[in-house]
Amino acid sequence: MLFNIVNEQVSQEFAILDALAALSRNCDGDFGV
C-alpha cells in the first residue's frame, strides 16, 4: 500500500519533469538551454 503511494508520486514527478523537458525543447531559444 505504502509502496503504491510512493510509486504513484514518483511517476507524477517524472511526468512533470517530462513536461518541463518538452517545454524546454520547444522554447530552448527563450531560456537559452
N, C-alpha and C. Protein backbone atom coordinates (compact mmCIF):
# COMPACT_ATOMS: atom_id res chain seq x y z
N MET A 1 0.85 -1.21 0.00
CA MET A 1 0.00 0.00 0.00
C MET A 1 0.87 1.25 0.00
N LEU A 2 1.79 1.32 0.96
CA LEU A 2 2.66 2.50 1.04
C LEU A 2 3.52 2.61 -0.21
N PHE A 3 3.99 1.45 -0.69
CA PHE A 3 4.83 1.47 -1.89
C PHE A 3 4.05 2.00 -3.09
N ASN A 4 2.76 1.65 -3.17
CA ASN A 4 1.93 2.14 -4.28
C ASN A 4 1.82 3.66 -4.23
N ILE A 5 1.67 4.21 -3.04
CA ILE A 5 1.55 5.67 -2.90
C ILE A 5 2.86 6.34 -3.33
N VAL A 6 3.98 5.81 -2.86
CA VAL A 6 5.28 6.38 -3.22
C VAL A 6 5.51 6.24 -4.72
N ASN A 7 5.19 5.08 -5.26
CA ASN A 7 5.40 4.83 -6.68
C ASN A 7 4.57 5.79 -7.53
N GLU A 8 3.34 6.05 -7.12
CA GLU A 8 2.48 6.97 -7.86
C GLU A 8 3.03 8.39 -7.80
N GLN A 9 3.54 8.78 -6.64
CA GLN A 9 4.09 10.13 -6.50
C GLN A 9 5.33 10.29 -7.38
N VAL A 10 6.17 9.27 -7.42
CA VAL A 10 7.37 9.32 -8.25
C VAL A 10 7.00 9.42 -9.73
N SER A 11 6.00 8.65 -10.13
CA SER A 11 5.61 8.69 -11.55
C SER A 11 5.02 10.05 -11.91
N GLN A 12 4.33 10.69 -10.96
CA GLN A 12 3.81 12.03 -11.21
C GLN A 12 4.97 13.02 -11.36
N GLU A 13 6.00 12.88 -10.52
CA GLU A 13 7.14 13.78 -10.62
C GLU A 13 7.87 13.59 -11.94
N PHE A 14 7.97 12.33 -12.38
CA PHE A 14 8.60 12.08 -13.68
C PHE A 14 7.77 12.68 -14.81
N ALA A 15 6.45 12.63 -14.68
CA ALA A 15 5.58 13.23 -15.70
C ALA A 15 5.80 14.73 -15.76
N ILE A 16 5.96 15.36 -14.58
CA ILE A 16 6.22 16.80 -14.54
C ILE A 16 7.57 17.11 -15.18
N LEU A 17 8.59 16.32 -14.84
CA LEU A 17 9.91 16.53 -15.44
C LEU A 17 9.86 16.35 -16.95
N ASP A 18 9.08 15.37 -17.39
CA ASP A 18 8.96 15.12 -18.83
C ASP A 18 8.29 16.31 -19.51
N ALA A 19 7.28 16.86 -18.87
CA ALA A 19 6.60 18.04 -19.43
C ALA A 19 7.55 19.23 -19.47
N LEU A 20 8.34 19.41 -18.42
CA LEU A 20 9.31 20.51 -18.42
C LEU A 20 10.36 20.32 -19.51
N ALA A 21 10.78 19.09 -19.70
CA ALA A 21 11.76 18.82 -20.75
C ALA A 21 11.17 19.13 -22.13
N ALA A 22 9.91 18.78 -22.33
CA ALA A 22 9.24 19.08 -23.60
C ALA A 22 9.14 20.59 -23.79
N LEU A 23 8.82 21.30 -22.72
CA LEU A 23 8.74 22.76 -22.81
C LEU A 23 10.09 23.36 -23.15
N SER A 24 11.14 22.87 -22.52
CA SER A 24 12.47 23.43 -22.78
C SER A 24 12.92 23.12 -24.20
N ARG A 25 12.49 21.96 -24.74
CA ARG A 25 12.80 21.67 -26.14
C ARG A 25 12.06 22.63 -27.06
N ASN A 26 10.82 22.95 -26.71
CA ASN A 26 10.02 23.84 -27.55
C ASN A 26 10.50 25.29 -27.46
N CYS A 27 10.99 25.69 -26.31
CA CYS A 27 11.33 27.09 -26.07
C CYS A 27 12.81 27.26 -25.74
N ASP A 28 13.66 26.40 -26.31
CA ASP A 28 15.06 26.43 -25.89
C ASP A 28 15.70 27.79 -26.22
N GLY A 29 15.20 28.49 -27.23
CA GLY A 29 15.74 29.81 -27.54
C GLY A 29 15.42 30.81 -26.44
N ASP A 30 14.22 30.71 -25.86
CA ASP A 30 13.80 31.67 -24.85
C ASP A 30 14.63 31.55 -23.58
N PHE A 31 14.94 30.32 -23.20
CA PHE A 31 15.64 30.09 -21.94
C PHE A 31 17.14 29.93 -22.14
N GLY A 32 17.57 29.82 -23.36
CA GLY A 32 19.00 29.66 -23.61
C GLY A 32 19.54 28.33 -23.12
N VAL A 33 18.70 27.30 -23.12
CA VAL A 33 19.14 25.98 -22.65
C VAL A 33 19.90 25.28 -23.76
